[in-house]
Amino acid sequence: MSARRPDRLGGRAAVVGIGATEFSKDSGRSELTLAAEAVRAALDDAGIAPAEVDGLVTFTMDTSPEITVAQACGIGELTFFSRVHYGGGAACATVQQATLAVATGVAEVVVCYRAFNERSGRRFGSGVQHREPSAEGAALGWSLPFGLLTPASWVAMAAQRYLHTYGLTPEVFGQVAVVDRRHAATNPAAYFHGKPVTLDDHAASRWIVEPLRLLDCCQETDGGQAIVVTSVERARDLPRPPVVITAAAQGSGRAQEQMTSFYRDDLSGLPEMGRGRAAAVERQRTDPRGHRCGRPL
């Protein structure tokens, strides 16, 4: 591995505002409307006017283009706009993109957003839908004919191998689901606010794709969220205490596919998670035992 360049990212940018719509099973609104509502809410929270925004970042799968969101929110000229690939895993990376833009002076105020009618509109849990021919579609063609039609089914293959390799049972996944839900249920805006689950609830939930149960999978809901990133210097003049971004990283491993890989010698792990974690810890230069890792969606 080549020597890494000195990190010039950490401590230069901060999250200064967050915003979200309500989360529901049927928003009754377009995804553009949800995006605009979330962006405006985040800007209001930050105390920043739309005209001050000069950067936008979202997902490649988002249906609301940056320039359209800018028009809907009263945002003027943009000096930076970017999209990050690969579904739910793109959320953290949008913050990295915004931080890079702010830290290098490409933009001064960047908003990351995502809006999706995932329950009333396109549902990933319903299987792969019609799409135009593409390289991505061709890659999926090796697994779709065998019934691997949803994100849960892709991950289930790796999960099954994980259990086999380490001599475990699906109940171990319940530990993760219970802890995740316990924390999520404390958010007043959450769809299941105040409704944690138990290990018994997990064990009683139906199979989605063995060894994954309903409570192992993310909820499909409608809604939008946004965050505002700006420089730490600008953050000092804003009404709310900022959250300084000390490190960010992405990671991709050899022979990686979208959420796992069926072509590696070992299917029981996700080495790209380790690559991203190691890079982030190195950039922050702290003990990795003091950090918690996210999980792919």
Protein backbone atom coordinates (compact mmCIF):
# COMPACT_ATOMS: atom_id res chain seq x y z
CA MET A 1 0.00 0.00 0.00
CA SER A 2 1.36 3.40 -0.90
CA ALA A 3 2.02 6.03 1.75
CA ARG A 4 -1.03 8.11 2.47
CA ARG A 5 -1.03 11.83 2.02
CA PRO A 6 -1.54 13.97 5.13
CA ASP A 7 -5.22 14.34 5.93
CA ARG A 8 -6.48 17.87 5.35
CA LEU A 9 -10.14 17.12 5.96
CA GLY A 10 -10.68 16.69 9.69
CA GLY A 11 -11.79 19.65 11.74
CA ARG A 12 -12.46 21.97 8.80
CA ALA A 13 -16.20 21.45 8.38
CA ALA A 14 -19.18 20.89 10.63
CA VAL A 15 -22.82 19.87 10.59
CA VAL A 16 -24.81 22.93 11.60
CA GLY A 17 -28.42 21.99 10.87
CA ILE A 18 -30.70 19.00 10.37
CA GLY A 19 -34.21 18.71 8.97
CA ALA A 20 -36.74 16.02 8.19
CA THR A 21 -40.32 15.47 7.13
CA GLU A 22 -42.59 13.15 9.06
CA PHE A 23 -42.15 9.45 8.34
CA SER A 24 -45.23 7.59 7.15
CA LYS A 25 -46.54 4.76 5.03
CA ASP A 26 -48.09 7.21 2.55
CA SER A 27 -46.81 10.78 2.43
CA GLY A 28 -49.38 11.92 -0.12
CA ARG A 29 -46.69 14.14 -1.63
CA SER A 30 -44.13 13.94 -4.40
CA GLU A 31 -40.53 13.07 -3.61
CA LEU A 32 -39.51 16.55 -4.78
CA THR A 33 -41.88 18.09 -2.24
CA LEU A 34 -40.42 15.91 0.51
CA ALA A 35 -36.89 16.91 -0.51
CA ALA A 36 -37.73 20.61 -0.50
CA GLU A 37 -39.43 20.37 2.89
CA ALA A 38 -36.45 18.56 4.42
CA VAL A 39 -33.91 20.99 2.95
CA ARG A 40 -35.84 24.05 4.11
CA ALA A 41 -36.23 22.54 7.58
CA ALA A 42 -32.48 21.90 7.81
CA LEU A 43 -31.67 25.45 6.70
CA ASP A 44 -34.13 26.89 9.22
CA ASP A 45 -32.50 24.78 11.92
CA ALA A 46 -29.07 26.09 10.92
CA GLY A 47 -30.19 29.70 10.67
CA ILE A 48 -28.97 29.91 7.08
CA ALA A 49 -30.91 31.44 4.19
CA PRO A 50 -31.46 29.36 1.03
CA ALA A 51 -29.62 31.99 -1.02
CA GLU A 52 -26.43 31.22 0.92
CA VAL A 53 -26.34 27.57 -0.20
CA ASP A 54 -23.90 26.88 -3.03
CA GLY A 55 -23.64 23.09 -2.89
CA LEU A 56 -25.98 20.07 -2.88
CA VAL A 57 -25.25 16.36 -2.47
CA THR A 58 -27.63 13.42 -2.77
CA PHE A 59 -27.86 9.75 -3.82
CA THR A 60 -27.67 8.46 -7.37
CA MET A 61 -31.01 6.76 -6.69
CA ASP A 62 -32.77 9.99 -5.70
CA THR A 63 -35.41 11.19 -8.17
CA SER A 64 -35.08 14.87 -7.23
CA PRO A 65 -32.22 16.49 -9.21
CA GLU A 66 -30.02 19.01 -7.46
CA ILE A 67 -30.95 21.90 -9.71
CA THR A 68 -34.65 21.14 -9.32
CA VAL A 69 -34.35 21.03 -5.53
CA ALA A 70 -32.41 24.30 -5.67
CA GLN A 71 -35.21 25.94 -7.63
CA ALA A 72 -37.88 24.56 -5.29
CA CYS A 73 -36.04 25.88 -2.23
CA GLY A 74 -35.06 29.31 -3.53
CA ILE A 75 -31.38 28.37 -3.74
CA GLY A 76 -29.41 30.37 -6.31
CA GLU A 77 -26.21 29.50 -8.15
CA LEU A 78 -24.39 26.29 -7.28
CA THR A 79 -20.62 25.82 -7.37
CA PHE A 80 -20.77 22.16 -6.34
CA PHE A 81 -23.22 19.28 -6.77
CA SER A 82 -22.53 15.59 -6.44
CA ARG A 83 -24.17 12.18 -6.12
CA VAL A 84 -23.04 9.04 -4.31
CA HIS A 85 -23.81 5.52 -5.48
CA TYR A 86 -24.94 2.29 -3.78
CA GLY A 87 -28.22 2.74 -1.97
CA GLY A 88 -28.45 3.07 1.79
CA GLY A 89 -24.69 2.96 2.17
CA ALA A 90 -24.46 6.34 0.43
CA ALA A 91 -25.84 8.27 3.41
CA CYS A 92 -22.52 8.65 5.24
CA ALA A 93 -20.66 9.30 2.00
CA THR A 94 -22.81 12.33 1.17
CA VAL A 95 -21.45 13.96 4.31
CA GLN A 96 -17.92 13.18 3.17
CA GLN A 97 -18.62 14.75 -0.22
CA ALA A 98 -19.97 17.89 1.43
CA THR A 99 -17.00 18.04 3.78
CA LEU A 100 -14.54 17.73 0.90
CA ALA A 101 -16.22 20.61 -0.91
CA VAL A 102 -16.20 22.87 2.15
CA ALA A 103 -12.67 21.95 3.28
CA THR A 104 -11.20 22.69 -0.16
CA GLY A 105 -13.11 25.92 -0.68
CA VAL A 106 -15.17 24.62 -3.59
CA ALA A 107 -18.38 25.53 -1.73
CA GLU A 108 -19.26 27.36 1.47
CA VAL A 109 -22.62 25.86 2.45
CA VAL A 110 -23.54 22.36 1.26
CA VAL A 111 -26.81 20.55 1.93
CA CYS A 112 -27.04 16.75 1.81
CA TYR A 113 -30.55 15.46 1.20
CA ARG A 114 -32.56 12.34 0.46
CA ALA A 115 -36.30 12.03 -0.20
CA PHE A 116 -38.05 8.79 -0.99
CA ASN A 117 -41.57 7.39 -1.07
CA GLU A 118 -40.23 3.95 -0.27
CA ARG A 119 -43.54 2.60 0.99
CA SER A 120 -46.17 4.22 -1.21
CA GLY A 121 -43.91 4.37 -4.26
CA ARG A 122 -41.00 2.19 -5.32
CA ARG A 123 -40.50 -0.57 -2.74
CA PHE A 124 -37.15 -2.32 -2.72
CA GLY A 125 -38.72 -5.17 -0.79
CA SER A 126 -41.02 -5.95 -3.72
CA GLY A 127 -38.19 -7.14 -5.93
CA VAL A 128 -36.25 -5.80 -8.88
CA GLN A 129 -38.41 -3.76 -11.21
CA HIS A 130 -38.06 -2.95 -14.90
CA ARG A 131 -34.96 -1.00 -15.81
CA GLU A 132 -33.16 0.01 -18.96
CA PRO A 133 -30.23 -2.19 -20.07
CA SER A 134 -27.03 -1.24 -18.26
CA ALA A 135 -23.76 -2.65 -16.95
CA GLU A 136 -25.26 -2.74 -13.48
CA GLY A 137 -28.24 -4.69 -14.76
CA ALA A 138 -25.95 -7.14 -16.51
CA ALA A 139 -24.06 -7.77 -13.27
CA LEU A 140 -27.31 -8.45 -11.44
CA GLY A 141 -28.27 -10.86 -14.22
CA TRP A 142 -25.99 -13.50 -12.72
CA SER A 143 -28.07 -13.69 -9.53
CA LEU A 144 -31.59 -12.50 -10.36
CA PRO A 145 -32.62 -15.72 -12.17
CA PHE A 146 -31.91 -17.65 -8.96
CA GLY A 147 -34.35 -15.61 -6.89
CA LEU A 148 -31.99 -13.01 -5.45
CA LEU A 149 -34.36 -10.14 -6.18
CA THR A 150 -34.14 -7.86 -3.14
CA PRO A 151 -31.45 -6.34 -0.90
CA ALA A 152 -32.50 -8.73 1.87
CA SER A 153 -31.98 -11.74 -0.39
CA TRP A 154 -28.51 -10.54 -1.42
CA VAL A 155 -27.42 -10.07 2.18
CA ALA A 156 -29.08 -13.32 3.29
CA MET A 157 -26.54 -15.35 1.34
CA ALA A 158 -23.65 -13.78 3.23
CA ALA A 159 -25.55 -13.98 6.52
CA GLN A 160 -26.16 -17.70 6.04
CA ARG A 161 -22.49 -18.30 5.39
CA TYR A 162 -21.57 -16.22 8.44
CA LEU A 163 -23.73 -18.40 10.68
CA HIS A 164 -22.26 -21.57 9.18
CA THR A 165 -18.66 -20.40 9.51
CA TYR A 166 -18.96 -19.39 13.16
CA GLY A 167 -21.44 -22.04 14.30
CA LEU A 168 -24.16 -19.53 15.20
CA THR A 169 -27.94 -19.35 14.86
CA PRO A 170 -30.18 -16.56 13.50
CA GLU A 171 -30.91 -15.48 17.07
CA VAL A 172 -27.59 -13.60 17.13
CA PHE A 173 -28.98 -11.18 14.56
CA GLY A 174 -31.77 -10.44 17.00
CA GLN A 175 -29.25 -8.84 19.34
CA VAL A 176 -28.45 -6.28 16.64
CA ALA A 177 -32.10 -5.66 15.79
CA VAL A 178 -33.07 -5.11 19.43
CA VAL A 179 -30.27 -2.61 20.08
CA ASP A 180 -30.92 -0.72 16.83
CA ARG A 181 -34.63 -0.45 17.56
CA ARG A 182 -34.01 0.55 21.19
CA HIS A 183 -32.06 3.61 20.07
CA ALA A 184 -34.30 4.43 17.11
CA ALA A 185 -37.41 4.31 19.31
CA THR A 186 -36.10 7.24 21.36
CA ASN A 187 -36.43 9.58 18.36
CA PRO A 188 -39.78 11.41 18.58
CA ALA A 189 -39.86 11.62 14.77
CA ALA A 190 -39.39 7.88 14.28
CA TYR A 191 -42.28 5.87 12.85
CA PHE A 192 -41.99 3.43 15.76
CA HIS A 193 -41.22 6.04 18.42
CA GLY A 194 -41.57 4.55 21.89
CA LYS A 195 -41.92 1.01 20.54
CA PRO A 196 -38.74 -0.99 21.18
CA VAL A 197 -38.68 -4.71 20.44
CA THR A 198 -37.48 -7.72 22.40
CA LEU A 199 -35.62 -10.86 21.42
CA ASP A 200 -38.94 -12.70 21.62
CA ASP A 201 -40.45 -10.20 19.16
CA HIS A 202 -37.55 -10.82 16.82
CA ALA A 203 -37.88 -14.60 17.05
CA ALA A 204 -41.63 -14.37 16.39
CA SER A 205 -41.30 -12.15 13.32
CA ARG A 206 -41.73 -13.91 9.99
CA TRP A 207 -38.95 -15.00 7.72
CA ILE A 208 -38.17 -12.61 4.86
CA VAL A 209 -35.25 -14.56 3.40
CA GLU A 210 -33.68 -17.10 5.73
CA PRO A 211 -31.79 -16.49 7.93
CA LEU A 212 -33.17 -12.91 8.00
CA ARG A 213 -36.48 -12.14 9.68
CA LEU A 214 -38.77 -9.14 9.32
CA LEU A 215 -37.13 -7.36 12.25
CA ASP A 216 -33.68 -7.82 10.71
CA CYS A 217 -34.73 -5.63 7.77
CA CYS A 218 -35.12 -1.86 7.59
CA GLN A 219 -38.56 -0.27 7.59
CA GLU A 220 -40.00 0.89 4.27
CA THR A 221 -41.37 4.36 4.89
CA ASP A 222 -41.96 7.64 3.05
CA GLY A 223 -39.99 10.69 4.08
CA GLY A 224 -37.10 13.05 3.53
CA GLN A 225 -34.07 14.21 5.49
CA ALA A 226 -31.34 16.80 5.05
CA ILE A 227 -28.28 18.15 6.84
CA VAL A 228 -26.29 21.34 6.38
CA VAL A 229 -22.48 21.35 6.28
CA THR A 230 -20.33 24.48 6.38
CA SER A 231 -16.91 25.59 7.62
CA VAL A 232 -16.10 25.63 11.32
CA GLU A 233 -15.38 29.36 10.97
CA ARG A 234 -18.87 30.04 9.66
CA ALA A 235 -20.35 27.69 12.26
CA ARG A 236 -19.14 29.95 15.07
CA ASP A 237 -21.58 32.64 13.94
CA LEU A 238 -24.63 30.36 13.79
CA PRO A 239 -27.22 29.89 16.55
CA ARG A 240 -26.70 26.18 17.30
CA PRO A 241 -23.58 24.39 18.52
CA PRO A 242 -21.97 22.65 15.53
CA VAL A 243 -20.94 19.01 15.23
CA VAL A 244 -17.39 19.11 13.87
CA ILE A 245 -16.54 16.44 11.29
CA THR A 246 -13.21 14.96 12.35
CA ALA A 247 -12.92 12.14 9.79
CA ALA A 248 -14.75 10.48 6.93
CA ALA A 249 -13.91 7.61 4.60
CA GLN A 250 -15.27 5.28 1.96
CA GLY A 251 -14.12 1.76 1.21
CA SER A 252 -14.39 -0.72 -1.64
CA GLY A 253 -12.91 -4.19 -1.66
CA ARG A 254 -11.76 -6.49 -4.44
CA ALA A 255 -14.54 -8.27 -6.33
CA GLN A 256 -17.14 -6.20 -4.50
CA GLU A 257 -20.71 -6.05 -5.69
CA GLN A 258 -23.43 -3.73 -4.44
CA MET A 259 -24.05 -5.14 -0.97
CA THR A 260 -21.89 -8.24 -0.84
CA SER A 261 -20.00 -10.48 -3.25
CA PHE A 262 -20.67 -14.04 -4.30
CA TYR A 263 -17.29 -14.43 -5.99
CA ARG A 264 -14.93 -14.22 -3.05
CA ASP A 265 -13.35 -17.19 -1.34
CA ASP A 266 -14.95 -16.09 1.94
CA LEU A 267 -18.54 -14.83 1.91
CA SER A 268 -18.83 -14.47 5.68
CA GLY A 269 -17.58 -10.90 5.93
CA LEU A 270 -17.53 -7.49 4.27
CA PRO A 271 -13.87 -6.42 3.96
CA GLU A 272 -14.89 -3.05 2.53
CA MET A 273 -16.38 -2.19 5.93
CA GLY A 274 -12.96 -2.75 7.46
CA ARG A 275 -11.28 -0.61 4.80
CA GLY A 276 -13.59 2.31 5.44
CA ARG A 277 -13.28 1.99 9.21
CA ALA A 278 -9.49 1.75 9.12
CA ALA A 279 -9.21 4.80 6.88
CA ALA A 280 -11.50 6.87 9.10
CA VAL A 281 -9.68 5.87 12.27
CA GLU A 282 -6.28 6.59 10.71
CA ARG A 283 -7.42 10.02 9.63
CA GLN A 284 -8.71 10.79 13.09
CA ARG A 285 -5.60 9.17 14.63
CA THR A 286 -7.37 7.70 17.63
CA ASP A 287 -7.74 4.25 19.14
CA PRO A 288 -10.15 2.21 16.97
CA ARG A 289 -11.54 0.52 20.08
CA GLY A 290 -13.19 3.81 20.95
CA HIS A 291 -15.21 3.86 17.73
CA ARG A 292 -18.41 2.18 16.69
CA CYS A 293 -18.90 0.92 13.19
CA GLY A 294 -22.01 1.34 11.10
CA ARG A 295 -23.54 -1.47 9.13
CA PRO A 296 -24.46 -1.57 5.43
CA LEU A 297 -28.10 -1.12 4.55
